[in-house]
């Protein structure tokens, strides 16, 4: 039998999963923004 430290409710798993997905989307947006800033900065250097 697996050791379950605390009971897990499926709806809670889904809520956490949604939060993780949202975080992932925000990270992707942030990376895209940083890439854009970097490109703009390099343009100014030329």
PDB file of N, CA and C in Angstrom:
ATOM      1  N   UNK A   1       0.843  -1.203   0.000  1.00  0.00           N
ATOM      2  CA  UNK A   1       0.000   0.000   0.000  1.00  0.00           C
ATOM      3  C   UNK A   1       0.876   1.251   0.000  1.00  0.00           C
ATOM      4  N   UNK A   2       0.525   2.228  -0.818  1.00  0.00           N
ATOM      5  CA  UNK A   2       1.337   3.455  -0.837  1.00  0.00           C
ATOM      6  C   UNK A   2       1.135   4.255   0.447  1.00  0.00           C
ATOM      7  N   UNK A   3       2.194   4.907   0.895  1.00  0.00           N
ATOM      8  CA  UNK A   3       2.083   5.765   2.079  1.00  0.00           C
ATOM      9  C   UNK A   3       1.461   7.087   1.665  1.00  0.00           C
ATOM     10  N   UNK A   4       0.265   7.329   2.141  1.00  0.00           N
ATOM     11  CA  UNK A   4      -0.394   8.597   1.835  1.00  0.00           C
ATOM     12  C   UNK A   4      -0.334   9.445   3.097  1.00  0.00           C
ATOM     13  N   UNK A   5       0.364  10.552   3.006  1.00  0.00           N
ATOM     14  CA  UNK A   5       0.557  11.397   4.188  1.00  0.00           C
ATOM     15  C   UNK A   5      -0.700  12.178   4.531  1.00  0.00           C
ATOM     16  N   UNK A   6      -1.462  12.521   3.520  1.00  0.00           N
ATOM     17  CA  UNK A   6      -2.707  13.249   3.767  1.00  0.00           C
ATOM     18  C   UNK A   6      -3.676  12.899   2.646  1.00  0.00           C
ATOM     19  N   UNK A   7      -4.955  12.907   2.955  1.00  0.00           N
ATOM     20  CA  UNK A   7      -5.929  12.590   1.903  1.00  0.00           C
ATOM     21  C   UNK A   7      -5.925  13.663   0.814  1.00  0.00           C
ATOM     22  N   UNK A   8      -5.952  13.213  -0.411  1.00  0.00           N
ATOM     23  CA  UNK A   8      -5.927  14.148  -1.532  1.00  0.00           C
ATOM     24  C   UNK A   8      -7.277  14.126  -2.229  1.00  0.00           C
ATOM     25  N   UNK A   9      -7.829  15.298  -2.402  1.00  0.00           N
ATOM     26  CA  UNK A   9      -9.128  15.428  -3.059  1.00  0.00           C
ATOM     27  C   UNK A   9      -8.880  15.775  -4.528  1.00  0.00           C
ATOM     28  N   UNK A  10      -9.511  15.037  -5.457  1.00  0.00           N
ATOM     29  CA  UNK A  10      -9.288  15.308  -6.884  1.00  0.00           C
ATOM     30  C   UNK A  10      -9.470  16.774  -7.275  1.00  0.00           C
ATOM     31  N   UNK A  11     -10.455  17.446  -6.687  1.00  0.00           N
ATOM     32  CA  UNK A  11     -10.679  18.849  -7.047  1.00  0.00           C
ATOM     33  C   UNK A  11      -9.495  19.716  -6.626  1.00  0.00           C
ATOM     34  N   UNK A  12      -8.833  19.322  -5.523  1.00  0.00           N
ATOM     35  CA  UNK A  12      -7.645  20.060  -5.078  1.00  0.00           C
ATOM     36  C   UNK A  12      -6.499  19.856  -6.052  1.00  0.00           C
ATOM     37  N   UNK A  13      -6.355  18.616  -6.523  1.00  0.00           N
ATOM     38  CA  UNK A  13      -5.308  18.319  -7.504  1.00  0.00           C
ATOM     39  C   UNK A  13      -5.531  19.181  -8.745  1.00  0.00           C
ATOM     40  N   UNK A  14      -6.769  19.258  -9.175  1.00  0.00           N
ATOM     41  CA  UNK A  14      -7.090  20.041 -10.367  1.00  0.00           C
ATOM     42  C   UNK A  14      -6.780  21.518 -10.146  1.00  0.00           C
ATOM     43  N   UNK A  15      -7.106  22.017  -8.956  1.00  0.00           N
ATOM     44  CA  UNK A  15      -6.843  23.424  -8.644  1.00  0.00           C
ATOM     45  C   UNK A  15      -5.342  23.712  -8.676  1.00  0.00           C
ATOM     46  N   UNK A  16      -4.558  22.821  -8.075  1.00  0.00           N
ATOM     47  CA  UNK A  16      -3.103  22.999  -8.066  1.00  0.00           C
ATOM     48  C   UNK A  16      -2.561  22.897  -9.486  1.00  0.00           C
ATOM     49  N   UNK A  17      -3.091  21.951 -10.250  1.00  0.00           N
ATOM     50  CA  UNK A  17      -2.655  21.780 -11.635  1.00  0.00           C
ATOM     51  C   UNK A  17      -2.913  23.053 -12.432  1.00  0.00           C
ATOM     52  N   UNK A  18      -4.096  23.644 -12.243  1.00  0.00           N
ATOM     53  CA  UNK A  18      -4.430  24.878 -12.955  1.00  0.00           C
ATOM     54  C   UNK A  18      -3.463  25.998 -12.569  1.00  0.00           C
ATOM     55  N   UNK A  19      -3.103  26.061 -11.281  1.00  0.00           N
ATOM     56  CA  UNK A  19      -2.155  27.088 -10.829  1.00  0.00           C
ATOM     57  C   UNK A  19      -0.795  26.887 -11.487  1.00  0.00           C
ATOM     58  N   UNK A  20      -0.373  25.620 -11.586  1.00  0.00           N
ATOM     59  CA  UNK A  20       0.915  25.328 -12.216  1.00  0.00           C
ATOM     60  C   UNK A  20       0.892  25.713 -13.691  1.00  0.00           C
ATOM     61  N   UNK A  21      -0.210  25.412 -14.366  1.00  0.00           N
ATOM     62  CA  UNK A  21      -0.341  25.772 -15.781  1.00  0.00           C
ATOM     63  C   UNK A  21      -0.255  27.289 -15.929  1.00  0.00           C
ATOM     64  N   UNK A  22      -0.950  28.009 -15.042  1.00  0.00           N
ATOM     65  CA  UNK A  22      -0.943  29.469 -15.080  1.00  0.00           C
ATOM     66  C   UNK A  22       0.471  30.008 -14.861  1.00  0.00           C
ATOM     67  N   UNK A  23       1.193  29.403 -13.908  1.00  0.00           N
ATOM     68  CA  UNK A  23       2.580  29.809 -13.651  1.00  0.00           C
ATOM     69  C   UNK A  23       3.436  29.575 -14.889  1.00  0.00           C
ATOM     70  N   UNK A  24       3.238  28.430 -15.529  1.00  0.00           N
ATOM     71  CA  UNK A  24       3.997  28.112 -16.729  1.00  0.00           C
ATOM     72  C   UNK A  24       3.759  29.137 -17.823  1.00  0.00           C
ATOM     73  N   UNK A  25       2.506  29.540 -17.983  1.00  0.00           N
ATOM     74  CA  UNK A  25       2.157  30.541 -18.995  1.00  0.00           C
ATOM     75  C   UNK A  25       2.833  31.867 -18.658  1.00  0.00           C
ATOM     76  N   UNK A  26       2.805  32.240 -17.386  1.00  0.00           N
ATOM     77  CA  UNK A  26       3.434  33.501 -16.973  1.00  0.00           C
ATOM     78  C   UNK A  26       4.932  33.478 -17.203  1.00  0.00           C
ATOM     79  N   UNK A  27       5.555  32.320 -16.933  1.00  0.00           N
ATOM     80  CA  UNK A  27       6.998  32.187 -17.154  1.00  0.00           C
ATOM     81  C   UNK A  27       7.306  32.346 -18.642  1.00  0.00           C
ATOM     82  N   UNK A  28       6.495  31.722 -19.491  1.00  0.00           N
ATOM     83  CA  UNK A  28       6.707  31.836 -20.935  1.00  0.00           C
ATOM     84  C   UNK A  28       6.564  33.285 -21.386  1.00  0.00           C
ATOM     85  N   UNK A  29       5.559  33.985 -20.847  1.00  0.00           N
ATOM     86  CA  UNK A  29       5.360  35.393 -21.194  1.00  0.00           C
ATOM     87  C   UNK A  29       6.554  36.227 -20.737  1.00  0.00           C
ATOM     88  N   UNK A  30       7.036  35.939 -19.533  1.00  0.00           N
ATOM     89  CA  UNK A  30       8.181  36.679 -19.001  1.00  0.00           C
ATOM     90  C   UNK A  30       9.421  36.442 -19.858  1.00  0.00           C
ATOM     91  N   UNK A  31       9.644  35.190 -20.266  1.00  0.00           N
ATOM     92  CA  UNK A  31      10.797  34.864 -21.105  1.00  0.00           C
ATOM     93  C   UNK A  31      10.702  35.578 -22.452  1.00  0.00           C
ATOM     94  N   UNK A  32       9.505  35.604 -23.020  1.00  0.00           N
ATOM     95  CA  UNK A  32       9.313  36.287 -24.300  1.00  0.00           C
ATOM     96  C   UNK A  32       9.593  37.782 -24.139  1.00  0.00           C
ATOM     97  N   UNK A  33       9.150  38.338 -23.017  1.00  0.00           N
ATOM     98  CA  UNK A  33       9.356  39.760 -22.742  1.00  0.00           C
ATOM     99  C   UNK A  33      10.846  40.062 -22.588  1.00  0.00           C
ATOM    100  N   UNK A  34      11.550  39.204 -21.845  1.00  0.00           N
ATOM    101  CA  UNK A  34      12.992  39.399 -21.652  1.00  0.00           C
ATOM    102  C   UNK A  34      13.731  39.302 -22.978  1.00  0.00           C
ATOM    103  N   UNK A  35      13.317  38.356 -23.810  1.00  0.00           N
ATOM    104  CA  UNK A  35      13.946  38.186 -25.116  1.00  0.00           C
ATOM    105  C   UNK A  35      13.746  39.462 -25.943  1.00  0.00           C
ATOM    106  N   UNK A  36      12.531  40.011 -25.884  1.00  0.00           N
ATOM    107  CA  UNK A  36      12.221  41.233 -26.624  1.00  0.00           C
ATOM    108  C   UNK A  36      13.073  42.395 -26.110  1.00  0.00           C
ATOM    109  N   UNK A  37      13.161  42.530 -24.771  1.00  0.00           N
ATOM    110  CA  UNK A  37      13.977  43.594 -24.169  1.00  0.00           C
ATOM    111  C   UNK A  37      15.424  43.451 -24.629  1.00  0.00           C
ATOM    112  N   UNK A  38      15.923  42.222 -24.602  1.00  0.00           N
ATOM    113  CA  UNK A  38      17.302  41.951 -25.000  1.00  0.00           C
ATOM    114  C   UNK A  38      17.541  42.364 -26.450  1.00  0.00           C
ATOM    115  N   UNK A  39      16.605  42.019 -27.326  1.00  0.00           N
ATOM    116  CA  UNK A  39      16.744  42.365 -28.742  1.00  0.00           C
ATOM    117  C   UNK A  39      16.710  43.878 -28.942  1.00  0.00           C
ATOM    118  N   UNK A  40      15.815  44.560 -28.210  1.00  0.00           N
ATOM    119  CA  UNK A  40      15.736  46.016 -28.306  1.00  0.00           C
ATOM    120  C   UNK A  40      17.044  46.647 -27.822  1.00  0.00           C
ATOM    121  N   UNK A  41      17.587  46.092 -26.742  1.00  0.00           N
ATOM    122  CA  UNK A  41      18.828  46.602 -26.168  1.00  0.00           C
ATOM    123  C   UNK A  41      19.974  46.442 -27.159  1.00  0.00           C
ATOM    124  N   UNK A  42      20.027  45.282 -27.817  1.00  0.00           N
ATOM    125  CA  UNK A  42      21.086  45.035 -28.789  1.00  0.00           C
ATOM    126  C   UNK A  42      20.946  45.976 -29.983  1.00  0.00           C
ATOM    127  N   UNK A  43      19.706  46.276 -30.366  1.00  0.00           N
ATOM    128  CA  UNK A  43      19.470  47.204 -31.481  1.00  0.00           C
ATOM    129  C   UNK A  43      20.029  48.579 -31.143  1.00  0.00           C
ATOM    130  N   UNK A  44      19.810  49.017 -29.894  1.00  0.00           N
ATOM    131  CA  UNK A  44      20.277  50.335 -29.471  1.00  0.00           C
ATOM    132  C   UNK A  44      21.794  50.409 -29.486  1.00  0.00           C
ATOM    133  N   UNK A  45      22.450  49.278 -29.240  1.00  0.00           N
ATOM    134  CA  UNK A  45      23.911  49.231 -29.193  1.00  0.00           C
ATOM    135  C   UNK A  45      24.542  49.472 -30.564  1.00  0.00           C
ATOM    136  N   UNK A  46      23.838  49.071 -31.600  1.00  0.00           N
ATOM    137  CA  UNK A  46      24.410  49.154 -32.949  1.00  0.00           C
ATOM    138  C   UNK A  46      24.521  50.584 -33.441  1.00  0.00           C
TER     139      UNK A  46
END
